[in-house]
């Protein structure tokens, strides 16, 4: 059976790796995927040689948790860091893999 959930994607500077992992865990993520990301945006190409690579974080959350995490990313990081983030509706199988023990009990 397919269950509707949300895919939260965040692309940010590498120096935010640990804070982003903590943020995702705080919002109930049971896991995440991190990949290096290169590209160009409204600010042009980043000088990654000394700043390190951009990172792309992806995790599956409930729609409510994904929206809350997106709000926190916006409030904490958009003004002072190179960050872009979005939520995509997805349908998953094995939905229990994406439920934290704490949220499954509530």
C-alpha atoms as a PDB file:
ATOM      1  CA  UNK A   1       0.000   0.000   0.000  1.00  0.00           C
ATOM      2  CA  UNK A   2       1.279   3.454  -0.903  1.00  0.00           C
ATOM      3  CA  UNK A   3       1.122   6.148   1.772  1.00  0.00           C
ATOM      4  CA  UNK A   4       1.243   9.895   1.046  1.00  0.00           C
ATOM      5  CA  UNK A   5       4.158  11.627   2.783  1.00  0.00           C
ATOM      6  CA  UNK A   6       6.422  14.593   2.023  1.00  0.00           C
ATOM      7  CA  UNK A   7       9.944  14.759   0.639  1.00  0.00           C
ATOM      8  CA  UNK A   8      11.829  17.677   2.175  1.00  0.00           C
ATOM      9  CA  UNK A   9      14.789  18.822   0.069  1.00  0.00           C
ATOM     10  CA  UNK A  10      17.317  21.370   1.322  1.00  0.00           C
ATOM     11  CA  UNK A  11      20.337  22.588  -0.639  1.00  0.00           C
ATOM     12  CA  UNK A  12      22.798  24.547   1.455  1.00  0.00           C
ATOM     13  CA  UNK A  13      26.378  25.426   2.209  1.00  0.00           C
ATOM     14  CA  UNK A  14      28.443  22.531   3.534  1.00  0.00           C
ATOM     15  CA  UNK A  15      29.167  24.337   6.788  1.00  0.00           C
ATOM     16  CA  UNK A  16      25.529  23.796   7.791  1.00  0.00           C
ATOM     17  CA  UNK A  17      25.786  19.993   7.626  1.00  0.00           C
ATOM     18  CA  UNK A  18      25.530  19.282  11.348  1.00  0.00           C
ATOM     19  CA  UNK A  19      22.880  21.936  12.112  1.00  0.00           C
ATOM     20  CA  UNK A  20      20.711  20.596   9.257  1.00  0.00           C
ATOM     21  CA  UNK A  21      21.040  17.004  10.485  1.00  0.00           C
ATOM     22  CA  UNK A  22      19.994  18.124  13.978  1.00  0.00           C
ATOM     23  CA  UNK A  23      17.065  20.086  12.550  1.00  0.00           C
ATOM     24  CA  UNK A  24      15.839  17.080  10.556  1.00  0.00           C
ATOM     25  CA  UNK A  25      16.077  14.797  13.597  1.00  0.00           C
ATOM     26  CA  UNK A  26      14.233  17.327  15.747  1.00  0.00           C
ATOM     27  CA  UNK A  27      11.362  17.224  13.252  1.00  0.00           C
ATOM     28  CA  UNK A  28      11.139  13.445  13.325  1.00  0.00           C
ATOM     29  CA  UNK A  29      13.358  12.324  10.448  1.00  0.00           C
ATOM     30  CA  UNK A  30      14.427   8.730  10.934  1.00  0.00           C
ATOM     31  CA  UNK A  31      17.051   9.053   8.221  1.00  0.00           C
ATOM     32  CA  UNK A  32      18.270  11.310   5.460  1.00  0.00           C
ATOM     33  CA  UNK A  33      20.347  11.337   2.304  1.00  0.00           C
ATOM     34  CA  UNK A  34      23.119  13.860   1.723  1.00  0.00           C
ATOM     35  CA  UNK A  35      24.722  14.420  -1.680  1.00  0.00           C
ATOM     36  CA  UNK A  36      27.174  17.019  -2.935  1.00  0.00           C
ATOM     37  CA  UNK A  37      25.511  19.634  -5.109  1.00  0.00           C
ATOM     38  CA  UNK A  38      26.963  22.015  -7.688  1.00  0.00           C
ATOM     39  CA  UNK A  39      25.072  24.650  -9.590  1.00  0.00           C
ATOM     40  CA  UNK A  40      24.385  28.279 -10.237  1.00  0.00           C
ATOM     41  CA  UNK A  41      21.639  30.485  -8.916  1.00  0.00           C
ATOM     42  CA  UNK A  42      20.617  34.095  -8.530  1.00  0.00           C
ATOM     43  CA  UNK A  43      23.892  34.838  -6.762  1.00  0.00           C
ATOM     44  CA  UNK A  44      25.988  33.205  -9.482  1.00  0.00           C
ATOM     45  CA  UNK A  45      28.442  30.328  -9.031  1.00  0.00           C
ATOM     46  CA  UNK A  46      29.734  29.847  -5.491  1.00  0.00           C
ATOM     47  CA  UNK A  47      33.458  29.902  -4.808  1.00  0.00           C
ATOM     48  CA  UNK A  48      33.420  26.380  -3.385  1.00  0.00           C
ATOM     49  CA  UNK A  49      37.205  25.988  -3.403  1.00  0.00           C
ATOM     50  CA  UNK A  50      37.487  27.601   0.009  1.00  0.00           C
ATOM     51  CA  UNK A  51      33.900  27.280   1.256  1.00  0.00           C
ATOM     52  CA  UNK A  52      33.469  23.575   0.523  1.00  0.00           C
ATOM     53  CA  UNK A  53      30.733  21.938  -1.525  1.00  0.00           C
ATOM     54  CA  UNK A  54      27.035  22.634  -1.336  1.00  0.00           C
ATOM     55  CA  UNK A  55      25.052  19.772   0.145  1.00  0.00           C
ATOM     56  CA  UNK A  56      21.619  18.468  -0.792  1.00  0.00           C
ATOM     57  CA  UNK A  57      19.633  16.948   2.059  1.00  0.00           C
ATOM     58  CA  UNK A  58      16.589  14.773   1.367  1.00  0.00           C
ATOM     59  CA  UNK A  59      14.301  13.110   3.865  1.00  0.00           C
ATOM     60  CA  UNK A  60      10.777  11.758   4.043  1.00  0.00           C
ATOM     61  CA  UNK A  61       8.520  13.207   6.722  1.00  0.00           C
ATOM     62  CA  UNK A  62       4.848  13.600   7.488  1.00  0.00           C
ATOM     63  CA  UNK A  63       3.402  16.632   5.689  1.00  0.00           C
ATOM     64  CA  UNK A  64       3.094  18.471   9.014  1.00  0.00           C
ATOM     65  CA  UNK A  65       6.692  17.747  10.042  1.00  0.00           C
ATOM     66  CA  UNK A  66       8.023  18.698   6.600  1.00  0.00           C
ATOM     67  CA  UNK A  67       6.178  22.032   6.711  1.00  0.00           C
ATOM     68  CA  UNK A  68       7.433  22.733  10.233  1.00  0.00           C
ATOM     69  CA  UNK A  69      11.015  21.884   9.241  1.00  0.00           C
ATOM     70  CA  UNK A  70      10.737  24.068   6.124  1.00  0.00           C
ATOM     71  CA  UNK A  71       9.472  26.954   8.263  1.00  0.00           C
ATOM     72  CA  UNK A  72      12.415  26.546  10.655  1.00  0.00           C
ATOM     73  CA  UNK A  73      14.942  26.429   7.801  1.00  0.00           C
ATOM     74  CA  UNK A  74      13.401  29.613   6.384  1.00  0.00           C
ATOM     75  CA  UNK A  75      13.419  31.459   9.703  1.00  0.00           C
ATOM     76  CA  UNK A  76      16.905  30.422  10.804  1.00  0.00           C
ATOM     77  CA  UNK A  77      18.966  30.268   7.618  1.00  0.00           C
ATOM     78  CA  UNK A  78      17.520  32.043   4.569  1.00  0.00           C
ATOM     79  CA  UNK A  79      18.679  35.526   5.543  1.00  0.00           C
ATOM     80  CA  UNK A  80      22.353  34.760   6.245  1.00  0.00           C
ATOM     81  CA  UNK A  81      23.214  31.621   4.267  1.00  0.00           C
ATOM     82  CA  UNK A  82      22.904  30.260   0.748  1.00  0.00           C
ATOM     83  CA  UNK A  83      19.940  27.935   1.259  1.00  0.00           C
ATOM     84  CA  UNK A  84      17.059  26.796  -0.897  1.00  0.00           C
ATOM     85  CA  UNK A  85      14.436  24.324   0.270  1.00  0.00           C
ATOM     86  CA  UNK A  86      11.175  22.804  -0.894  1.00  0.00           C
ATOM     87  CA  UNK A  87       8.631  20.104  -0.109  1.00  0.00           C
ATOM     88  CA  UNK A  88       7.304  17.611  -2.629  1.00  0.00           C
ATOM     89  CA  UNK A  89       4.352  15.302  -2.105  1.00  0.00           C
ATOM     90  CA  UNK A  90       5.369  11.660  -2.517  1.00  0.00           C
ATOM     91  CA  UNK A  91       3.797   8.238  -2.115  1.00  0.00           C
ATOM     92  CA  UNK A  92       5.902   5.636  -0.373  1.00  0.00           C
ATOM     93  CA  UNK A  93       5.760   1.960   0.422  1.00  0.00           C
ATOM     94  CA  UNK A  94       7.124   0.697   3.736  1.00  0.00           C
ATOM     95  CA  UNK A  95       5.899   3.888   5.382  1.00  0.00           C
ATOM     96  CA  UNK A  96       6.891   2.588   8.819  1.00  0.00           C
ATOM     97  CA  UNK A  97      10.536   3.255   7.858  1.00  0.00           C
ATOM     98  CA  UNK A  98       9.737   6.962   7.882  1.00  0.00           C
ATOM     99  CA  UNK A  99       8.050   7.164  11.277  1.00  0.00           C
ATOM    100  CA  UNK A 100      10.105   7.911  14.329  1.00  0.00           C
ATOM    101  CA  UNK A 101       9.411   5.738  17.348  1.00  0.00           C
ATOM    102  CA  UNK A 102       8.222   8.792  19.290  1.00  0.00           C
ATOM    103  CA  UNK A 103       5.771   9.963  16.611  1.00  0.00           C
ATOM    104  CA  UNK A 104       4.481   6.416  16.047  1.00  0.00           C
ATOM    105  CA  UNK A 105       3.517   6.197  19.734  1.00  0.00           C
ATOM    106  CA  UNK A 106       1.620   9.499  19.775  1.00  0.00           C
END
